């Protein structure tokens, strides 16, 4: 249910190119024939213990929605909820982690707002820019496209294992590095090779976000399980059942659009619904460019792979 739908009619806001119709990763407003503004925001409680790393991850996650549209960030506003009595040293480290990640993205922190809360939360409202004709939508995949995923999966089970006191330090280090990595290079490569559709993999997991793309494109996605890359420790922690609660909500809702044609273990099936934080970009790439795009992504440092293909359909995800 969307109770505000009737208040804002598309005909009244012709320059709001993305935001009032099909859902996407960010809103986009056209300023003129050459420029459009991208706007998004995201924040959440800590997913790791180190405050600096938490700030960097939260910032990378918020910036990712700009990159998922194919754009470039311009500035960001801090969004902070923080408990009384917790001390300013931890908050300073959270903000430093976020600020240095924003600076790495070529943008600036231009202010913010803080409220008191029982649990720390941090994120950003981000403003970006893109040419109106170069927006990469979530719903533009075409039959014949190849699917590329730019980061390994499994951050949800690794961070849940950390919360449960069972994660190995090396596995946490690898997960933090992946979650902190900007999708900037991947977005630029997507523009270079004419990607038809794109989204980032976050809380709805691989299958949830893949379904969103497929449904909005009115196609089916065929994904090869063996082609997926996993963070170190992810399969181990799934076998040990370190699952976040969001995994089961994802499975309950998105499972109706998933068909698994090859036998896989139950822990492997559950991993496909694992909520991600600051995950990679899922791209629908024209087949003539897919190999070159993959090579460019790997050369830029992404742990990318071709994970499947697009066929005619109605939004189903077929695991093969």
Protein backbone atom coordinates (compact mmCIF):
# COMPACT_ATOMS: atom_id res chain seq x y z
CA UNK A 1 0.00 0.00 0.00
CA UNK A 2 1.32 3.46 -0.93
CA UNK A 3 -0.91 6.00 0.88
CA UNK A 4 0.77 9.07 -0.64
CA UNK A 5 0.40 7.97 -4.26
CA UNK A 6 -2.64 10.15 -4.93
CA UNK A 7 -1.02 13.33 -3.60
CA UNK A 8 1.65 13.62 -6.30
CA UNK A 9 0.68 13.07 -9.92
CA UNK A 10 3.40 12.58 -12.53
CA UNK A 11 1.74 15.08 -14.89
CA UNK A 12 2.27 17.81 -12.30
CA UNK A 13 6.01 17.13 -11.98
CA UNK A 14 7.27 16.48 -15.51
CA UNK A 15 10.91 17.02 -14.52
CA UNK A 16 10.80 14.38 -11.79
CA UNK A 17 12.14 11.63 -14.04
CA UNK A 18 12.38 8.92 -11.38
CA UNK A 19 10.40 8.80 -8.16
CA UNK A 20 6.67 8.82 -8.84
CA UNK A 21 6.27 5.76 -11.02
CA UNK A 22 8.27 2.51 -10.91
CA UNK A 23 10.45 2.21 -7.78
CA UNK A 24 14.18 2.69 -8.24
CA UNK A 25 17.33 3.21 -6.17
CA UNK A 26 17.14 7.04 -6.13
CA UNK A 27 14.92 9.90 -7.19
CA UNK A 28 16.06 11.88 -10.24
CA UNK A 29 15.02 15.46 -11.06
CA UNK A 30 15.88 17.06 -14.43
CA UNK A 31 17.33 20.58 -14.14
CA UNK A 32 17.91 21.13 -17.86
CA UNK A 33 18.72 19.16 -21.01
CA UNK A 34 22.23 18.36 -19.75
CA UNK A 35 21.86 17.89 -15.99
CA UNK A 36 19.67 15.98 -13.57
CA UNK A 37 19.97 15.77 -9.79
CA UNK A 38 19.94 12.38 -8.05
CA UNK A 39 18.71 12.24 -4.44
CA UNK A 40 18.80 9.37 -1.96
CA UNK A 41 19.32 8.56 1.73
CA UNK A 42 20.06 5.56 3.93
CA UNK A 43 21.07 4.90 7.54
CA UNK A 44 21.17 1.94 9.94
CA UNK A 45 22.59 0.71 13.27
CA UNK A 46 26.14 -0.71 13.51
CA UNK A 47 26.92 -3.88 11.57
CA UNK A 48 30.49 -4.17 12.88
CA UNK A 49 32.17 -3.32 16.19
CA UNK A 50 34.75 -0.80 14.99
CA UNK A 51 33.14 2.68 14.82
CA UNK A 52 35.35 3.97 12.01
CA UNK A 53 34.55 0.93 9.86
CA UNK A 54 30.86 1.30 10.64
CA UNK A 55 30.94 4.91 9.44
CA UNK A 56 32.76 4.00 6.24
CA UNK A 57 30.38 1.12 5.49
CA UNK A 58 27.27 3.22 6.12
CA UNK A 59 28.60 5.97 3.86
CA UNK A 60 29.53 3.55 1.06
CA UNK A 61 26.07 2.01 1.34
CA UNK A 62 24.31 5.38 0.98
CA UNK A 63 26.55 6.49 -1.88
CA UNK A 64 25.83 3.22 -3.67
CA UNK A 65 22.30 4.31 -4.61
CA UNK A 66 23.79 7.19 -6.61
CA UNK A 67 26.13 4.77 -8.37
CA UNK A 68 23.27 2.33 -9.00
CA UNK A 69 21.66 5.01 -11.20
CA UNK A 70 24.96 5.50 -13.06
CA UNK A 71 25.58 8.89 -11.44
CA UNK A 72 28.28 10.72 -9.49
CA UNK A 73 27.81 12.07 -5.93
CA UNK A 74 28.21 15.78 -5.29
CA UNK A 75 27.59 16.21 -1.56
CA UNK A 76 26.15 14.43 1.46
CA UNK A 77 24.40 15.34 4.72
CA UNK A 78 25.11 13.33 7.87
CA UNK A 79 22.15 11.55 9.51
CA UNK A 80 22.93 10.59 13.12
CA UNK A 81 21.03 9.02 16.00
CA UNK A 82 23.12 8.67 19.15
CA UNK A 83 22.51 7.73 22.79
CA UNK A 84 23.16 10.12 25.66
CA UNK A 85 26.16 9.13 27.70
CA UNK A 86 27.90 7.00 25.08
CA UNK A 87 30.71 9.50 24.63
CA UNK A 88 31.85 11.67 21.75
CA UNK A 89 34.96 9.63 20.91
CA UNK A 90 32.94 6.83 19.32
CA UNK A 91 30.72 9.29 17.43
CA UNK A 92 33.77 11.15 16.15
CA UNK A 93 35.17 7.91 14.73
CA UNK A 94 31.87 7.04 13.06
CA UNK A 95 31.72 10.46 11.45
CA UNK A 96 35.38 10.32 10.44
CA UNK A 97 34.85 6.97 8.72
CA UNK A 98 31.89 8.37 6.81
CA UNK A 99 33.61 11.62 5.93
CA UNK A 100 36.72 9.96 4.56
CA UNK A 101 34.60 7.65 2.42
CA UNK A 102 32.63 10.60 1.04
CA UNK A 103 35.88 12.39 0.27
CA UNK A 104 37.13 9.26 -1.51
CA UNK A 105 33.99 9.46 -3.65
CA UNK A 106 34.94 13.00 -4.69
CA UNK A 107 32.05 14.55 -2.76
CA UNK A 108 31.83 16.61 0.44
CA UNK A 109 29.97 16.44 3.74
CA UNK A 110 27.94 19.66 3.77
CA UNK A 111 26.14 19.45 7.12
CA UNK A 112 23.91 17.07 9.00
CA UNK A 113 21.41 16.47 11.79
CA UNK A 114 21.60 14.53 15.05
CA UNK A 115 18.87 13.18 17.34
CA UNK A 116 19.01 11.26 20.59
CA UNK A 117 18.16 7.57 20.36
CA UNK A 118 18.64 4.39 22.39
CA UNK A 119 20.89 2.87 19.70
CA UNK A 120 23.50 4.49 17.45
CA UNK A 121 22.48 4.91 13.83
CA UNK A 122 24.36 6.57 11.01
CA UNK A 123 23.99 7.23 7.33
CA UNK A 124 23.78 9.92 4.69
CA UNK A 125 21.41 11.88 2.53
CA UNK A 126 23.28 12.12 -0.77
CA UNK A 127 22.88 14.41 -3.76
CA UNK A 128 24.39 13.39 -7.09
CA UNK A 129 24.32 14.36 -10.73
CA UNK A 130 23.79 12.63 -14.06
CA UNK A 131 22.90 13.48 -17.67
CA UNK A 132 19.15 12.92 -18.10
CA UNK A 133 19.77 10.63 -21.08
CA UNK A 134 22.30 8.46 -19.21
CA UNK A 135 20.20 7.30 -16.26
CA UNK A 136 20.56 3.55 -15.79
CA UNK A 137 17.18 2.34 -14.50
CA UNK A 138 16.38 -0.71 -12.44
CA UNK A 139 13.85 -1.83 -15.03
CA UNK A 140 15.66 -1.79 -18.38
CA UNK A 141 16.98 -5.35 -18.73
CA UNK A 142 16.47 -6.93 -22.17
CA UNK A 143 16.33 -10.57 -23.32
CA UNK A 144 19.81 -11.69 -24.26
CA UNK A 145 21.56 -9.47 -21.69
CA UNK A 146 24.18 -11.05 -19.46
CA UNK A 147 24.06 -10.52 -15.71
CA UNK A 148 27.19 -9.30 -13.93
CA UNK A 149 27.56 -8.99 -10.15
CA UNK A 150 30.46 -6.85 -8.97
CA UNK A 151 31.00 -7.89 -5.33
CA UNK A 152 30.97 -11.18 -3.41
CA UNK A 153 27.90 -12.09 -1.35
CA UNK A 154 27.56 -13.14 2.29
CA UNK A 155 28.04 -9.99 4.36
CA UNK A 156 24.84 -10.71 6.29
CA UNK A 157 25.92 -14.07 7.66
CA UNK A 158 29.44 -12.83 8.39
CA UNK A 159 28.21 -9.83 10.39
CA UNK A 160 25.61 -11.99 12.16
CA UNK A 161 28.35 -14.43 13.12
CA UNK A 162 30.30 -11.43 14.45
CA UNK A 163 27.34 -10.38 16.60
CA UNK A 164 27.12 -13.95 17.87
CA UNK A 165 30.80 -13.96 18.80
CA UNK A 166 31.66 -16.69 16.29
CA UNK A 167 33.30 -14.87 13.39
CA UNK A 168 36.99 -15.23 12.58
CA UNK A 169 38.95 -11.97 12.45
CA UNK A 170 40.16 -12.58 8.88
CA UNK A 171 36.60 -13.12 7.70
CA UNK A 172 35.42 -9.90 9.34
CA UNK A 173 38.33 -8.00 7.79
CA UNK A 174 37.43 -9.26 4.33
CA UNK A 175 33.75 -8.40 4.81
CA UNK A 176 34.57 -4.88 6.04
CA UNK A 177 36.82 -4.31 3.02
CA UNK A 178 34.05 -5.41 0.65
CA UNK A 179 31.30 -3.39 2.35
CA UNK A 180 33.54 -0.31 2.48
CA UNK A 181 34.43 -0.49 -1.20
CA UNK A 182 32.74 2.16 -3.30
CA UNK A 183 30.77 1.14 -6.38
CA UNK A 184 32.20 4.19 -8.16
CA UNK A 185 34.41 2.38 -10.67
CA UNK A 186 31.69 -0.15 -11.40
CA UNK A 187 29.18 2.63 -12.15
CA UNK A 188 31.58 4.33 -14.55
CA UNK A 189 32.25 1.03 -16.30
CA UNK A 190 28.49 0.45 -16.56
CA UNK A 191 28.19 3.78 -18.38
CA UNK A 192 31.12 2.95 -20.64
CA UNK A 193 29.62 -0.33 -21.82
CA UNK A 194 25.99 0.75 -22.16
CA UNK A 195 24.48 -1.30 -19.33
CA UNK A 196 20.71 -1.54 -19.80
CA UNK A 197 19.64 -1.92 -16.15
CA UNK A 198 21.30 -1.87 -12.76
CA UNK A 199 20.69 -1.98 -9.01
CA UNK A 200 22.75 -2.52 -5.89
CA UNK A 201 22.39 -5.60 -3.71
CA UNK A 202 21.41 -4.64 -0.17
CA UNK A 203 18.70 -5.62 2.30
CA UNK A 204 16.50 -7.64 -0.07
CA UNK A 205 19.43 -9.94 -0.89
CA UNK A 206 20.47 -11.16 -4.31
CA UNK A 207 17.14 -12.80 -5.12
CA UNK A 208 15.00 -9.92 -3.91
CA UNK A 209 16.84 -7.26 -5.86
CA UNK A 210 17.15 -9.52 -8.89
CA UNK A 211 13.37 -10.00 -8.84
CA UNK A 212 12.83 -6.24 -8.67
CA UNK A 213 14.96 -5.79 -11.79
CA UNK A 214 13.33 -8.69 -13.62
CA UNK A 215 9.78 -7.66 -12.67
CA UNK A 216 10.24 -4.03 -13.71
CA UNK A 217 11.87 -5.17 -16.96
CA UNK A 218 9.22 -7.86 -17.61
CA UNK A 219 11.88 -10.52 -18.16
CA UNK A 220 13.22 -13.57 -16.32
CA UNK A 221 16.69 -13.89 -14.84
CA UNK A 222 18.53 -17.21 -15.08
CA UNK A 223 21.30 -17.32 -12.45
CA UNK A 224 23.99 -20.00 -12.20
CA UNK A 225 24.67 -20.74 -8.54
CA UNK A 226 28.20 -21.98 -9.30
CA UNK A 227 29.09 -18.55 -10.75
CA UNK A 228 28.41 -16.65 -7.52
CA UNK A 229 31.33 -15.34 -5.47
CA UNK A 230 31.14 -15.58 -1.67
CA UNK A 231 32.98 -13.72 1.06
CA UNK A 232 35.42 -15.83 3.08
CA UNK A 233 33.52 -17.64 5.82
CA UNK A 234 30.05 -17.02 4.36
CA UNK A 235 29.31 -20.65 3.47
CA UNK A 236 30.74 -21.82 6.81
CA UNK A 237 28.55 -19.42 8.81
CA UNK A 238 25.48 -20.35 6.77
CA UNK A 239 26.08 -23.99 7.62
CA UNK A 240 26.28 -22.92 11.26
CA UNK A 241 22.96 -21.05 10.83
CA UNK A 242 24.16 -17.54 11.64
CA UNK A 243 21.20 -16.00 9.85
CA UNK A 244 19.79 -12.49 10.27
CA UNK A 245 16.04 -12.22 10.77
CA UNK A 246 15.67 -10.33 7.51
CA UNK A 247 16.74 -13.43 5.61
CA UNK A 248 13.54 -15.26 6.45
CA UNK A 249 11.38 -12.24 5.64
CA UNK A 250 13.10 -12.04 2.25
CA UNK A 251 12.51 -15.73 1.63
CA UNK A 252 8.86 -15.56 2.68
CA UNK A 253 8.11 -12.73 0.28
CA UNK A 254 10.43 -13.19 -2.70
CA UNK A 255 10.39 -16.99 -2.71
CA UNK A 256 7.19 -16.98 -4.76
CA UNK A 257 9.17 -15.73 -7.76
CA UNK A 258 12.11 -18.13 -7.41
CA UNK A 259 12.52 -21.49 -9.15
CA UNK A 260 15.49 -23.72 -8.31
CA UNK A 261 16.16 -26.27 -11.03
CA UNK A 262 19.36 -27.82 -9.64
CA UNK A 263 19.71 -29.48 -6.21
CA UNK A 264 21.55 -27.32 -3.67
CA UNK A 265 21.95 -27.65 0.08
CA UNK A 266 19.48 -25.88 2.35
CA UNK A 267 22.20 -23.58 3.70
CA UNK A 268 23.09 -22.62 0.12
CA UNK A 269 19.47 -21.84 -0.67
CA UNK A 270 19.12 -19.68 2.43
CA UNK A 271 22.28 -17.74 1.55
CA UNK A 272 20.56 -16.47 -1.58
CA UNK A 273 18.15 -14.54 0.68
CA UNK A 274 20.91 -13.19 2.96
CA UNK A 275 20.45 -9.42 3.49
CA UNK A 276 23.52 -7.55 2.30
CA UNK A 277 25.04 -4.28 3.45
CA UNK A 278 26.75 -2.12 0.82
CA UNK A 279 26.77 -4.95 -1.70
CA UNK A 280 27.80 -4.90 -5.33
CA UNK A 281 26.00 -3.73 -8.44
CA UNK A 282 23.89 -6.19 -10.43
CA UNK A 283 24.06 -5.22 -14.11
CA UNK A 284 22.16 -6.33 -17.20
CA UNK A 285 24.85 -5.94 -19.86
CA UNK A 286 24.41 -6.13 -23.65
CA UNK A 287 25.90 -9.51 -24.65
CA UNK A 288 28.36 -7.99 -27.12
CA UNK A 289 29.91 -5.97 -24.27
CA UNK A 290 29.69 -8.42 -21.36
CA UNK A 291 33.16 -9.96 -21.63
CA UNK A 292 34.87 -6.59 -22.02
CA UNK A 293 32.84 -5.11 -19.17
CA UNK A 294 33.83 -8.02 -16.92
CA UNK A 295 37.51 -7.56 -17.78
CA UNK A 296 37.27 -3.84 -17.01
CA UNK A 297 35.58 -4.48 -13.66
CA UNK A 298 38.21 -7.00 -12.61
CA UNK A 299 41.01 -4.67 -13.74
CA UNK A 300 39.45 -1.93 -11.57
CA UNK A 301 39.59 -4.22 -8.52
CA UNK A 302 36.07 -5.59 -8.35
CA UNK A 303 35.44 -9.26 -7.55
CA UNK A 304 33.06 -9.45 -10.48
CA UNK A 305 31.61 -12.40 -12.38
CA UNK A 306 29.00 -13.15 -15.00
CA UNK A 307 26.29 -14.91 -13.02
CA UNK A 308 23.54 -15.50 -15.58
CA UNK A 309 21.38 -14.37 -18.48
CA UNK A 310 18.15 -12.55 -19.22
CA UNK A 311 15.27 -14.19 -21.11
CA UNK A 312 11.73 -13.19 -21.98
CA UNK A 313 9.43 -13.64 -19.01
CA UNK A 314 7.52 -11.95 -16.22
CA UNK A 315 9.88 -11.48 -13.27
CA UNK A 316 10.89 -15.01 -12.31
CA UNK A 317 14.36 -15.86 -10.99
CA UNK A 318 15.53 -19.29 -12.11
CA UNK A 319 18.47 -20.79 -10.22
CA UNK A 320 20.39 -23.25 -12.32
